[in-house]
Amino acid sequence: MGLDITWAVDWVRRSADVIAEHRVELIKLDREIGDGDHGENMDRGFQAVLPKLDDLPAGSTPGDVLKLVATTLISTVGGAAGPLYGTAYLKGAVAAGSATSLDGSAIAAVLTAARDGIVLRGKAESGDKTMVDAWTPAAEAADAAASNGSDVAAVLGAAADAAATGSDATIPLVARKGRASYLGERSAGHRDPGAQSSALLLRAAAEAASAAAGA
């Protein structure tokens, strides 16, 4: 079974819900090592996407949904998160192409393209204490699961688990990129807010896939 536009729309709705639920947490995390606006910005961006979902034309694809998210986040999310997430969803949309249904391999390709977009835009790598520390293990786990023949829900489940572990792993790191890097050694001991929001969004994707599988 592949994931179609119903899954993509559900993912966006679940993303908006989970970001709203964790808005204060993300604000607190960003206040500790950044400028404190990550939760507010992400919440505003995903809330802006929601009404646009109802205007998707008939015959839209998962890639069209990802592109809609990308353009909305770029135009509404301030700070570094807007361009980074916007690029991630845009590159993911390109990888999804015009396919009406995405299997495990296609989902792995979408996540890898999203990660590559973040790396390209933010010039960060694993270990820099950024959202890349969630996206890289997620993309690698998805690729491994797909290569092993796992179904698409399991591929996203593996990605979400790896992203959560990656977010946890940012806590002891010293930031080498972004505003947090200005703190030097003092950035250690704090979770990266971008890695955490990434883990939340990928968990939402996995939950939407599980719901689609059970439908």
N, C-alpha and C. Protein backbone atom coordinates (compact mmCIF):
# COMPACT_ATOMS: atom_id res chain seq x y z
N MET A 1 0.83 -1.20 0.00
CA MET A 1 0.00 0.00 0.00
C MET A 1 0.86 1.25 0.00
N GLY A 2 0.53 2.21 -0.83
CA GLY A 2 1.24 3.47 -0.86
C GLY A 2 0.48 4.55 -0.11
N LEU A 3 1.09 5.68 0.05
CA LEU A 3 0.47 6.82 0.73
C LEU A 3 0.06 7.85 -0.30
N ASP A 4 -1.22 8.23 -0.27
CA ASP A 4 -1.73 9.15 -1.27
C ASP A 4 -1.98 10.53 -0.66
N ILE A 5 -2.76 11.34 -1.35
CA ILE A 5 -2.98 12.70 -0.89
C ILE A 5 -3.72 12.75 0.44
N THR A 6 -4.54 11.75 0.72
CA THR A 6 -5.24 11.71 2.01
C THR A 6 -4.24 11.67 3.15
N TRP A 7 -3.21 10.86 2.98
CA TRP A 7 -2.14 10.81 3.99
C TRP A 7 -1.43 12.15 4.08
N ALA A 8 -1.09 12.73 2.96
CA ALA A 8 -0.33 13.99 2.95
C ALA A 8 -1.09 15.09 3.67
N VAL A 9 -2.38 15.18 3.40
CA VAL A 9 -3.21 16.20 4.06
C VAL A 9 -3.31 15.90 5.56
N ASP A 10 -3.48 14.63 5.90
CA ASP A 10 -3.55 14.25 7.31
C ASP A 10 -2.24 14.58 8.02
N TRP A 11 -1.13 14.35 7.35
CA TRP A 11 0.17 14.69 7.93
C TRP A 11 0.24 16.18 8.27
N VAL A 12 -0.21 17.01 7.34
CA VAL A 12 -0.16 18.46 7.58
C VAL A 12 -1.06 18.83 8.77
N ARG A 13 -2.25 18.26 8.81
CA ARG A 13 -3.16 18.57 9.92
C ARG A 13 -2.58 18.11 11.25
N ARG A 14 -2.01 16.92 11.27
CA ARG A 14 -1.39 16.42 12.50
C ARG A 14 -0.16 17.27 12.86
N SER A 15 0.56 17.72 11.86
CA SER A 15 1.71 18.58 12.11
C SER A 15 1.28 19.88 12.78
N ALA A 16 0.23 20.49 12.25
CA ALA A 16 -0.28 21.73 12.84
C ALA A 16 -0.71 21.50 14.29
N ASP A 17 -1.35 20.36 14.54
CA ASP A 17 -1.81 20.04 15.90
C ASP A 17 -0.63 19.87 16.86
N VAL A 18 0.38 19.09 16.43
CA VAL A 18 1.48 18.78 17.34
C VAL A 18 2.37 20.00 17.58
N ILE A 19 2.52 20.85 16.57
CA ILE A 19 3.30 22.07 16.77
C ILE A 19 2.56 23.01 17.72
N ALA A 20 1.23 23.10 17.56
CA ALA A 20 0.45 23.93 18.48
C ALA A 20 0.54 23.40 19.90
N GLU A 21 0.48 22.08 20.02
CA GLU A 21 0.56 21.44 21.34
C GLU A 21 1.90 21.70 22.01
N HIS A 22 2.96 21.73 21.23
CA HIS A 22 4.32 21.87 21.79
C HIS A 22 4.89 23.28 21.57
N ARG A 23 4.04 24.21 21.23
CA ARG A 23 4.50 25.58 20.93
C ARG A 23 5.30 26.17 22.09
N VAL A 24 4.77 26.08 23.30
CA VAL A 24 5.44 26.67 24.45
C VAL A 24 6.77 25.97 24.72
N GLU A 25 6.79 24.65 24.57
CA GLU A 25 8.03 23.90 24.75
C GLU A 25 9.09 24.36 23.77
N LEU A 26 8.70 24.53 22.50
CA LEU A 26 9.66 24.96 21.48
C LEU A 26 10.14 26.38 21.73
N ILE A 27 9.26 27.23 22.22
CA ILE A 27 9.65 28.59 22.58
C ILE A 27 10.70 28.55 23.69
N LYS A 28 10.44 27.71 24.70
CA LYS A 28 11.37 27.60 25.83
C LYS A 28 12.73 27.08 25.37
N LEU A 29 12.72 26.04 24.53
CA LEU A 29 13.98 25.50 24.03
C LEU A 29 14.76 26.56 23.27
N ASP A 30 14.06 27.33 22.45
CA ASP A 30 14.74 28.33 21.63
C ASP A 30 15.18 29.52 22.47
N ARG A 31 14.46 29.79 23.54
CA ARG A 31 14.86 30.88 24.42
C ARG A 31 16.18 30.56 25.13
N GLU A 32 16.42 29.27 25.36
CA GLU A 32 17.63 28.86 26.07
C GLU A 32 18.89 29.04 25.23
N ILE A 33 18.79 28.80 23.92
CA ILE A 33 20.00 28.88 23.09
C ILE A 33 19.80 29.69 21.80
N GLY A 34 18.60 30.27 21.61
CA GLY A 34 18.34 31.03 20.40
C GLY A 34 17.67 32.35 20.73
N ASP A 35 16.73 32.76 19.86
CA ASP A 35 16.04 34.03 20.10
C ASP A 35 14.61 33.85 20.58
N GLY A 36 14.21 32.60 20.83
CA GLY A 36 12.94 32.35 21.50
C GLY A 36 11.69 32.37 20.65
N ASP A 37 11.84 32.43 19.33
CA ASP A 37 10.64 32.57 18.50
C ASP A 37 10.28 31.32 17.69
N HIS A 38 11.01 30.22 17.88
CA HIS A 38 10.80 29.04 17.03
C HIS A 38 9.39 28.47 17.15
N GLY A 39 8.93 28.32 18.38
CA GLY A 39 7.60 27.75 18.56
C GLY A 39 6.52 28.64 17.98
N GLU A 40 6.62 29.92 18.20
CA GLU A 40 5.63 30.87 17.69
C GLU A 40 5.63 30.89 16.16
N ASN A 41 6.83 30.92 15.59
CA ASN A 41 6.94 30.97 14.13
C ASN A 41 6.40 29.70 13.48
N MET A 42 6.76 28.55 14.02
CA MET A 42 6.31 27.28 13.45
C MET A 42 4.79 27.13 13.57
N ASP A 43 4.26 27.54 14.70
CA ASP A 43 2.82 27.46 14.89
C ASP A 43 2.10 28.37 13.90
N ARG A 44 2.58 29.57 13.72
CA ARG A 44 1.96 30.49 12.77
C ARG A 44 2.02 29.91 11.35
N GLY A 45 3.15 29.32 11.00
CA GLY A 45 3.30 28.78 9.66
C GLY A 45 2.33 27.65 9.37
N PHE A 46 2.23 26.68 10.28
CA PHE A 46 1.35 25.54 10.02
C PHE A 46 -0.13 25.91 10.14
N GLN A 47 -0.44 26.85 11.00
CA GLN A 47 -1.83 27.31 11.05
C GLN A 47 -2.22 28.00 9.74
N ALA A 48 -1.25 28.65 9.10
CA ALA A 48 -1.51 29.31 7.82
C ALA A 48 -1.73 28.32 6.69
N VAL A 49 -1.15 27.12 6.83
CA VAL A 49 -1.32 26.10 5.79
C VAL A 49 -2.73 25.51 5.82
N LEU A 50 -3.29 25.35 7.01
CA LEU A 50 -4.54 24.60 7.17
C LEU A 50 -5.67 25.06 6.24
N PRO A 51 -6.03 26.35 6.20
CA PRO A 51 -7.14 26.73 5.33
C PRO A 51 -6.87 26.52 3.85
N LYS A 52 -5.59 26.51 3.48
CA LYS A 52 -5.23 26.33 2.07
C LYS A 52 -5.44 24.89 1.61
N LEU A 53 -5.48 23.95 2.55
CA LEU A 53 -5.69 22.55 2.18
C LEU A 53 -7.06 22.36 1.53
N ASP A 54 -8.01 23.15 1.96
CA ASP A 54 -9.37 23.01 1.42
C ASP A 54 -9.47 23.52 -0.02
N ASP A 55 -8.46 24.27 -0.44
CA ASP A 55 -8.49 24.84 -1.79
C ASP A 55 -7.66 24.05 -2.80
N LEU A 56 -7.11 22.91 -2.36
CA LEU A 56 -6.35 22.08 -3.29
C LEU A 56 -7.26 21.60 -4.42
N PRO A 57 -6.84 21.75 -5.65
CA PRO A 57 -7.69 21.32 -6.77
C PRO A 57 -7.80 19.81 -6.85
N ALA A 58 -8.87 19.36 -7.49
CA ALA A 58 -9.05 17.92 -7.69
C ALA A 58 -7.87 17.36 -8.45
N GLY A 59 -7.48 16.15 -8.08
CA GLY A 59 -6.36 15.51 -8.75
C GLY A 59 -5.01 15.89 -8.19
N SER A 60 -4.99 16.63 -7.07
CA SER A 60 -3.72 16.99 -6.45
C SER A 60 -3.01 15.76 -5.91
N THR A 61 -1.72 15.86 -5.79
CA THR A 61 -0.88 14.73 -5.37
C THR A 61 -0.19 15.04 -4.04
N PRO A 62 0.44 14.04 -3.41
CA PRO A 62 1.23 14.33 -2.21
C PRO A 62 2.28 15.41 -2.46
N GLY A 63 2.89 15.37 -3.64
CA GLY A 63 3.89 16.39 -3.97
C GLY A 63 3.29 17.79 -3.98
N ASP A 64 2.05 17.92 -4.44
CA ASP A 64 1.39 19.22 -4.45
C ASP A 64 1.18 19.72 -3.02
N VAL A 65 0.85 18.81 -2.12
CA VAL A 65 0.67 19.19 -0.71
C VAL A 65 1.99 19.66 -0.11
N LEU A 66 3.06 18.93 -0.39
CA LEU A 66 4.37 19.33 0.13
C LEU A 66 4.79 20.69 -0.42
N LYS A 67 4.50 20.94 -1.68
CA LYS A 67 4.83 22.23 -2.27
C LYS A 67 4.02 23.35 -1.62
N LEU A 68 2.76 23.09 -1.32
CA LEU A 68 1.91 24.07 -0.66
C LEU A 68 2.47 24.42 0.73
N VAL A 69 2.89 23.39 1.46
CA VAL A 69 3.49 23.63 2.77
C VAL A 69 4.76 24.47 2.61
N ALA A 70 5.57 24.12 1.63
CA ALA A 70 6.83 24.84 1.42
C ALA A 70 6.60 26.32 1.18
N THR A 71 5.75 26.64 0.24
CA THR A 71 5.54 28.04 -0.11
C THR A 71 4.92 28.81 1.04
N THR A 72 4.04 28.16 1.79
CA THR A 72 3.40 28.84 2.93
C THR A 72 4.39 29.10 4.05
N LEU A 73 5.21 28.11 4.36
CA LEU A 73 6.19 28.30 5.43
C LEU A 73 7.21 29.37 5.07
N ILE A 74 7.64 29.38 3.82
CA ILE A 74 8.62 30.37 3.39
C ILE A 74 8.07 31.78 3.55
N SER A 75 6.77 31.95 3.29
CA SER A 75 6.17 33.28 3.32
C SER A 75 5.69 33.71 4.71
N THR A 76 5.53 32.76 5.63
CA THR A 76 4.94 33.12 6.93
C THR A 76 5.84 32.86 8.13
N VAL A 77 6.84 32.00 8.01
CA VAL A 77 7.68 31.66 9.16
C VAL A 77 8.93 32.53 9.16
N GLY A 78 9.14 33.22 10.27
CA GLY A 78 10.31 34.08 10.38
C GLY A 78 11.54 33.31 10.81
N GLY A 79 12.63 34.03 10.94
CA GLY A 79 13.88 33.42 11.39
C GLY A 79 14.44 32.46 10.37
N ALA A 80 15.32 31.58 10.84
CA ALA A 80 15.96 30.62 9.94
C ALA A 80 15.02 29.48 9.57
N ALA A 81 14.02 29.21 10.41
CA ALA A 81 13.18 28.04 10.21
C ALA A 81 12.38 28.10 8.91
N GLY A 82 11.91 29.28 8.54
CA GLY A 82 11.11 29.40 7.32
C GLY A 82 11.84 28.92 6.08
N PRO A 83 12.99 29.50 5.78
CA PRO A 83 13.75 29.05 4.61
C PRO A 83 14.20 27.59 4.70
N LEU A 84 14.60 27.15 5.91
CA LEU A 84 15.09 25.79 6.06
C LEU A 84 13.98 24.77 5.85
N TYR A 85 12.89 24.94 6.56
CA TYR A 85 11.77 24.02 6.39
C TYR A 85 11.14 24.17 5.01
N GLY A 86 11.06 25.40 4.53
CA GLY A 86 10.50 25.60 3.20
C GLY A 86 11.29 24.85 2.14
N THR A 87 12.62 24.93 2.24
CA THR A 87 13.47 24.21 1.30
C THR A 87 13.30 22.71 1.46
N ALA A 88 13.18 22.25 2.70
CA ALA A 88 13.00 20.81 2.94
C ALA A 88 11.74 20.29 2.26
N TYR A 89 10.63 20.98 2.48
CA TYR A 89 9.37 20.52 1.88
C TYR A 89 9.39 20.69 0.35
N LEU A 90 10.06 21.73 -0.13
CA LEU A 90 10.13 21.94 -1.58
C LEU A 90 10.94 20.84 -2.25
N LYS A 91 12.08 20.50 -1.68
CA LYS A 91 12.90 19.43 -2.24
C LYS A 91 12.17 18.08 -2.11
N GLY A 92 11.44 17.91 -1.01
CA GLY A 92 10.64 16.70 -0.86
C GLY A 92 9.57 16.61 -1.93
N ALA A 93 8.96 17.75 -2.25
CA ALA A 93 7.92 17.78 -3.29
C ALA A 93 8.50 17.39 -4.65
N VAL A 94 9.70 17.88 -4.93
CA VAL A 94 10.36 17.53 -6.20
C VAL A 94 10.62 16.03 -6.26
N ALA A 95 11.07 15.46 -5.14
CA ALA A 95 11.33 14.02 -5.10
C ALA A 95 10.05 13.21 -5.27
N ALA A 96 8.96 13.70 -4.70
CA ALA A 96 7.67 13.01 -4.83
C ALA A 96 7.14 13.08 -6.26
N GLY A 97 7.48 14.15 -6.95
CA GLY A 97 7.06 14.31 -8.34
C GLY A 97 5.54 14.35 -8.48
N SER A 98 5.05 13.75 -9.54
CA SER A 98 3.62 13.76 -9.82
C SER A 98 2.95 12.46 -9.40
N ALA A 99 3.66 11.63 -8.63
CA ALA A 99 3.10 10.35 -8.21
C ALA A 99 1.86 10.56 -7.35
N THR A 100 0.84 9.75 -7.58
CA THR A 100 -0.37 9.85 -6.77
C THR A 100 -0.28 9.02 -5.51
N SER A 101 0.71 8.11 -5.46
CA SER A 101 0.89 7.25 -4.29
C SER A 101 2.38 7.01 -4.08
N LEU A 102 2.80 7.06 -2.83
CA LEU A 102 4.22 6.92 -2.50
C LEU A 102 4.44 5.65 -1.69
N ASP A 103 5.33 4.77 -2.19
CA ASP A 103 5.66 3.56 -1.45
C ASP A 103 6.84 3.85 -0.53
N GLY A 104 7.34 2.82 0.14
CA GLY A 104 8.41 3.02 1.10
C GLY A 104 9.65 3.64 0.50
N SER A 105 10.04 3.18 -0.67
CA SER A 105 11.23 3.73 -1.33
C SER A 105 11.04 5.19 -1.70
N ALA A 106 9.84 5.51 -2.16
CA ALA A 106 9.55 6.90 -2.53
C ALA A 106 9.56 7.81 -1.30
N ILE A 107 9.02 7.33 -0.20
CA ILE A 107 9.04 8.11 1.03
C ILE A 107 10.47 8.33 1.50
N ALA A 108 11.29 7.29 1.42
CA ALA A 108 12.70 7.43 1.80
C ALA A 108 13.39 8.47 0.93
N ALA A 109 13.05 8.47 -0.36
CA ALA A 109 13.63 9.46 -1.27
C ALA A 109 13.18 10.87 -0.92
N VAL A 110 11.91 11.02 -0.52
CA VAL A 110 11.38 12.32 -0.12
C VAL A 110 12.13 12.84 1.11
N LEU A 111 12.32 11.98 2.10
CA LEU A 111 12.99 12.41 3.33
C LEU A 111 14.46 12.73 3.07
N THR A 112 15.10 11.94 2.21
CA THR A 112 16.50 12.22 1.88
C THR A 112 16.63 13.55 1.15
N ALA A 113 15.72 13.82 0.22
CA ALA A 113 15.74 15.08 -0.51
C ALA A 113 15.50 16.26 0.43
N ALA A 114 14.58 16.07 1.38
CA ALA A 114 14.31 17.13 2.36
C ALA A 114 15.55 17.42 3.19
N ARG A 115 16.20 16.35 3.65
CA ARG A 115 17.43 16.52 4.43
C ARG A 115 18.50 17.23 3.62
N ASP A 116 18.66 16.81 2.37
CA ASP A 116 19.67 17.43 1.51
C ASP A 116 19.38 18.92 1.29
N GLY A 117 18.09 19.26 1.22
CA GLY A 117 17.71 20.66 1.07
C GLY A 117 18.09 21.48 2.28
N ILE A 118 17.89 20.90 3.47
CA ILE A 118 18.26 21.59 4.71
C ILE A 118 19.77 21.79 4.78
N VAL A 119 20.52 20.76 4.41
CA VAL A 119 21.98 20.85 4.43
C VAL A 119 22.45 21.92 3.44
N LEU A 120 21.86 21.91 2.26
CA LEU A 120 22.24 22.88 1.23
C LEU A 120 21.96 24.30 1.69
N ARG A 121 20.80 24.49 2.30
CA ARG A 121 20.39 25.83 2.70
C ARG A 121 21.13 26.32 3.95
N GLY A 122 21.27 25.42 4.92
CA GLY A 122 21.84 25.83 6.19
C GLY A 122 23.32 25.62 6.34
N LYS A 123 23.92 24.90 5.38
CA LYS A 123 25.37 24.62 5.41
C LYS A 123 25.78 23.94 6.73
N ALA A 124 24.89 23.11 7.27
CA ALA A 124 25.19 22.39 8.50
C ALA A 124 25.37 20.91 8.20
N GLU A 125 26.03 20.22 9.11
CA GLU A 125 26.20 18.78 8.98
C GLU A 125 25.91 18.12 10.32
N SER A 126 25.87 16.81 10.33
CA SER A 126 25.60 16.08 11.57
C SER A 126 26.63 16.47 12.63
N GLY A 127 26.14 16.66 13.85
CA GLY A 127 27.02 17.03 14.94
C GLY A 127 27.11 18.52 15.19
N ASP A 128 26.48 19.33 14.32
CA ASP A 128 26.52 20.78 14.49
C ASP A 128 25.47 21.30 15.46
N LYS A 129 24.61 20.40 15.98
CA LYS A 129 23.52 20.76 16.89
C LYS A 129 22.47 21.60 16.16
N THR A 130 21.93 21.02 15.09
CA THR A 130 20.87 21.66 14.32
C THR A 130 19.82 20.60 13.96
N MET A 131 18.85 21.01 13.18
CA MET A 131 17.80 20.09 12.74
C MET A 131 18.37 18.96 11.87
N VAL A 132 19.55 19.17 11.31
CA VAL A 132 20.19 18.10 10.53
C VAL A 132 20.42 16.87 11.40
N ASP A 133 20.64 17.08 12.68
CA ASP A 133 20.88 15.95 13.58
C ASP A 133 19.64 15.09 13.79
N ALA A 134 18.49 15.59 13.44
CA ALA A 134 17.27 14.77 13.43
C ALA A 134 17.00 14.22 12.03
N TRP A 135 17.21 15.04 11.01
CA TRP A 135 16.85 14.64 9.65
C TRP A 135 17.79 13.59 9.06
N THR A 136 19.08 13.68 9.35
CA THR A 136 20.01 12.70 8.77
C THR A 136 19.74 11.28 9.27
N PRO A 137 19.64 11.04 10.57
CA PRO A 137 19.31 9.68 11.00
C PRO A 137 17.93 9.24 10.53
N ALA A 138 17.00 10.18 10.42
CA ALA A 138 15.66 9.84 9.93
C ALA A 138 15.72 9.35 8.49
N ALA A 139 16.42 10.09 7.65
CA ALA A 139 16.54 9.71 6.25
C ALA A 139 17.27 8.39 6.10
N GLU A 140 18.32 8.20 6.89
CA GLU A 140 19.08 6.95 6.80
C GLU A 140 18.25 5.76 7.28
N ALA A 141 17.48 5.96 8.35
CA ALA A 141 16.64 4.88 8.86
C ALA A 141 15.53 4.53 7.87
N ALA A 142 14.96 5.55 7.24
CA ALA A 142 13.92 5.31 6.24
C ALA A 142 14.47 4.52 5.05
N ASP A 143 15.66 4.91 4.61
CA ASP A 143 16.29 4.24 3.47
C ASP A 143 16.59 2.78 3.81
N ALA A 144 17.09 2.55 5.02
CA ALA A 144 17.41 1.18 5.43
C ALA A 144 16.15 0.33 5.53
N ALA A 145 15.09 0.89 6.10
CA ALA A 145 13.84 0.15 6.24
C ALA A 145 13.23 -0.16 4.88
N ALA A 146 13.28 0.81 3.98
CA ALA A 146 12.73 0.59 2.64
C ALA A 146 13.54 -0.47 1.90
N SER A 147 14.86 -0.42 2.05
CA SER A 147 15.73 -1.40 1.39
C SER A 147 15.48 -2.81 1.91
N ASN A 148 15.05 -2.90 3.16
CA ASN A 148 14.76 -4.21 3.76
C ASN A 148 13.34 -4.69 3.46
N GLY A 149 12.60 -3.92 2.67
CA GLY A 149 11.27 -4.33 2.27
C GLY A 149 10.16 -4.00 3.24
N SER A 150 10.44 -3.13 4.20
CA SER A 150 9.40 -2.73 5.16
C SER A 150 8.28 -1.98 4.45
N ASP A 151 7.06 -2.09 4.99
CA ASP A 151 5.96 -1.34 4.39
C ASP A 151 6.14 0.14 4.70
N VAL A 152 5.35 0.96 4.04
CA VAL A 152 5.58 2.41 4.09
C VAL A 152 5.34 2.97 5.49
N ALA A 153 4.40 2.41 6.23
CA ALA A 153 4.17 2.88 7.60
C ALA A 153 5.38 2.58 8.48
N ALA A 154 5.98 1.41 8.28
CA ALA A 154 7.16 1.04 9.06
C ALA A 154 8.36 1.90 8.66
N VAL A 155 8.44 2.28 7.41
CA VAL A 155 9.53 3.16 6.95
C VAL A 155 9.45 4.50 7.68
N LEU A 156 8.24 5.05 7.74
CA LEU A 156 8.08 6.33 8.43
C LEU A 156 8.23 6.17 9.95
N GLY A 157 7.80 5.03 10.47
CA GLY A 157 7.99 4.78 11.89
C GLY A 157 9.46 4.75 12.26
N ALA A 158 10.26 4.10 11.42
CA ALA A 158 11.70 4.05 11.65
C ALA A 158 12.31 5.44 11.57
N ALA A 159 11.85 6.23 10.62
CA ALA A 159 12.35 7.60 10.48
C ALA A 159 12.02 8.44 11.71
N ALA A 160 10.79 8.30 12.20
CA ALA A 160 10.36 9.07 13.36
C ALA A 160 11.16 8.68 14.61
N ASP A 161 11.36 7.39 14.79
CA ASP A 161 12.15 6.92 15.94
C ASP A 161 13.57 7.48 15.88
N ALA A 162 14.17 7.43 14.69
CA ALA A 162 15.54 7.91 14.53
C ALA A 162 15.63 9.41 14.74
N ALA A 163 14.61 10.14 14.29
CA ALA A 163 14.60 11.59 14.49
C ALA A 163 14.51 11.94 15.97
N ALA A 164 13.69 11.19 16.71
CA ALA A 164 13.56 11.43 18.15
C ALA A 164 14.90 11.18 18.85
N THR A 165 15.55 10.10 18.47
CA THR A 165 16.87 9.79 19.05
C THR A 165 17.88 10.87 18.68
N GLY A 166 17.80 11.34 17.44
CA GLY A 166 18.69 12.40 16.99
C GLY A 166 18.47 13.70 17.75
N SER A 167 17.21 14.01 18.03
CA SER A 167 16.91 15.20 18.82
C SER A 167 17.51 15.08 20.22
N ASP A 168 17.34 13.91 20.83
CA ASP A 168 17.93 13.68 22.16
C ASP A 168 19.44 13.87 22.13
N ALA A 169 20.04 13.42 21.03
CA ALA A 169 21.51 13.45 20.93
C ALA A 169 22.07 14.86 20.79
N THR A 170 21.20 15.85 20.50
CA THR A 170 21.71 17.23 20.39
C THR A 170 21.98 17.85 21.76
N ILE A 171 21.40 17.28 22.82
CA ILE A 171 21.50 17.91 24.14
C ILE A 171 22.95 18.14 24.58
N PRO A 172 23.83 17.13 24.52
CA PRO A 172 25.21 17.37 25.00
C PRO A 172 26.10 18.10 24.00
N LEU A 173 25.64 18.30 22.78
CA LEU A 173 26.51 18.88 21.75
C LEU A 173 26.76 20.37 21.98
N VAL A 174 27.89 20.82 21.49
CA VAL A 174 28.19 22.25 21.42
C VAL A 174 27.82 22.73 20.03
N ALA A 175 27.00 23.77 19.97
CA ALA A 175 26.50 24.25 18.68
C ALA A 175 27.61 24.84 17.83
N ARG A 176 27.60 24.47 16.56
CA ARG A 176 28.59 25.01 15.63
C ARG A 176 27.96 25.84 14.52
N LYS A 177 26.64 25.90 14.51
CA LYS A 177 25.92 26.67 13.49
C LYS A 177 24.78 27.44 14.15
N GLY A 178 24.34 28.50 13.48
CA GLY A 178 23.18 29.23 13.94
C GLY A 178 23.45 30.11 15.16
N ARG A 179 22.40 30.71 15.65
CA ARG A 179 22.51 31.63 16.78
C ARG A 179 23.08 30.93 18.02
N ALA A 180 22.73 29.65 18.17
CA ALA A 180 23.22 28.92 19.34
C ALA A 180 24.74 28.83 19.38
N SER A 181 25.37 28.91 18.21
CA SER A 181 26.83 28.80 18.17
C SER A 181 27.51 29.97 18.87
N TYR A 182 26.79 31.10 19.00
CA TYR A 182 27.37 32.26 19.69
C TYR A 182 27.64 31.96 21.16
N LEU A 183 26.92 30.97 21.70
CA LEU A 183 27.06 30.64 23.11
C LEU A 183 28.28 29.76 23.39
N GLY A 184 28.83 29.16 22.35
CA GLY A 184 29.99 28.29 22.54
C GLY A 184 29.66 27.12 23.45
N GLU A 185 30.51 26.88 24.42
CA GLU A 185 30.35 25.74 25.32
C GLU A 185 29.06 25.81 26.12
N ARG A 186 28.53 27.01 26.31
CA ARG A 186 27.30 27.15 27.09
C ARG A 186 26.08 26.57 26.37
N SER A 187 26.21 26.28 25.08
CA SER A 187 25.09 25.68 24.34
C SER A 187 24.92 24.20 24.70
N ALA A 188 25.95 23.59 25.25
CA ALA A 188 25.85 22.18 25.66
C ALA A 188 24.86 22.06 26.81
N GLY A 189 24.13 20.94 26.82
CA GLY A 189 23.15 20.72 27.87
C GLY A 189 21.75 21.16 27.51
N HIS A 190 21.58 21.67 26.30
CA HIS A 190 20.27 22.13 25.83
C HIS A 190 19.91 21.42 24.53
N ARG A 191 18.65 21.04 24.41
CA ARG A 191 18.16 20.39 23.19
C ARG A 191 17.99 21.43 22.09
N ASP A 192 18.36 21.06 20.87
CA ASP A 192 18.17 21.98 19.75
C ASP A 192 16.69 22.05 19.38
N PRO A 193 16.10 23.25 19.34
CA PRO A 193 14.67 23.37 19.05
C PRO A 193 14.29 22.91 17.64
N GLY A 194 15.17 23.15 16.67
CA GLY A 194 14.89 22.70 15.31
C GLY A 194 14.87 21.20 15.17
N ALA A 195 15.78 20.55 15.88
CA ALA A 195 15.80 19.08 15.88
C ALA A 195 14.53 18.54 16.53
N GLN A 196 14.08 19.22 17.58
CA GLN A 196 12.87 18.77 18.26
C GLN A 196 11.62 18.97 17.40
N SER A 197 11.49 20.11 16.75
CA SER A 197 10.33 20.32 15.89
C SER A 197 10.36 19.34 14.71
N SER A 198 11.55 19.03 14.22
CA SER A 198 11.69 18.05 13.14
C SER A 198 11.19 16.68 13.59
N ALA A 199 11.60 16.29 14.81
CA ALA A 199 11.16 15.00 15.34
C ALA A 199 9.65 14.96 15.50
N LEU A 200 9.06 16.07 15.93
CA LEU A 200 7.60 16.13 16.08
C LEU A 200 6.90 15.98 14.73
N LEU A 201 7.42 16.64 13.72
CA LEU A 201 6.80 16.59 12.39
C LEU A 201 6.92 15.20 11.77
N LEU A 202 8.06 14.56 11.96
CA LEU A 202 8.23 13.22 11.39
C LEU A 202 7.39 12.19 12.15
N ARG A 203 7.19 12.40 13.45
CA ARG A 203 6.29 11.52 14.19
C ARG A 203 4.86 11.69 13.67
N ALA A 204 4.48 12.91 13.34
CA ALA A 204 3.15 13.16 12.78
C ALA A 204 2.98 12.44 11.45
N ALA A 205 4.05 12.42 10.64
CA ALA A 205 4.00 11.71 9.36
C ALA A 205 3.78 10.22 9.57
N ALA A 206 4.49 9.66 10.57
CA ALA A 206 4.37 8.24 10.85
C ALA A 206 2.99 7.89 11.39
N GLU A 207 2.44 8.74 12.24
CA GLU A 207 1.11 8.50 12.78
C GLU A 207 0.04 8.59 11.70
N ALA A 208 0.22 9.52 10.78
CA ALA A 208 -0.72 9.62 9.65
C ALA A 208 -0.64 8.37 8.78
N ALA A 209 0.57 7.84 8.61
CA ALA A 209 0.73 6.61 7.81
C ALA A 209 0.09 5.42 8.51
N SER A 210 0.25 5.34 9.81
CA SER A 210 -0.37 4.25 10.57
C SER A 210 -1.89 4.32 10.48
N ALA A 211 -2.40 5.54 10.55
CA ALA A 211 -3.85 5.72 10.44
C ALA A 211 -4.34 5.31 9.05
N ALA A 212 -3.55 5.66 8.02
CA ALA A 212 -3.94 5.28 6.66
C ALA A 212 -3.91 3.77 6.48
N ALA A 213 -2.94 3.11 7.10
CA ALA A 213 -2.82 1.65 6.99
C ALA A 213 -3.99 0.97 7.68
N GLY A 214 -4.51 1.58 8.72
CA GLY A 214 -5.61 0.97 9.46
C GLY A 214 -6.98 1.33 8.93
N ALA A 215 -7.02 2.23 7.94
CA ALA A 215 -8.30 2.68 7.40
C ALA A 215 -8.99 1.59 6.62
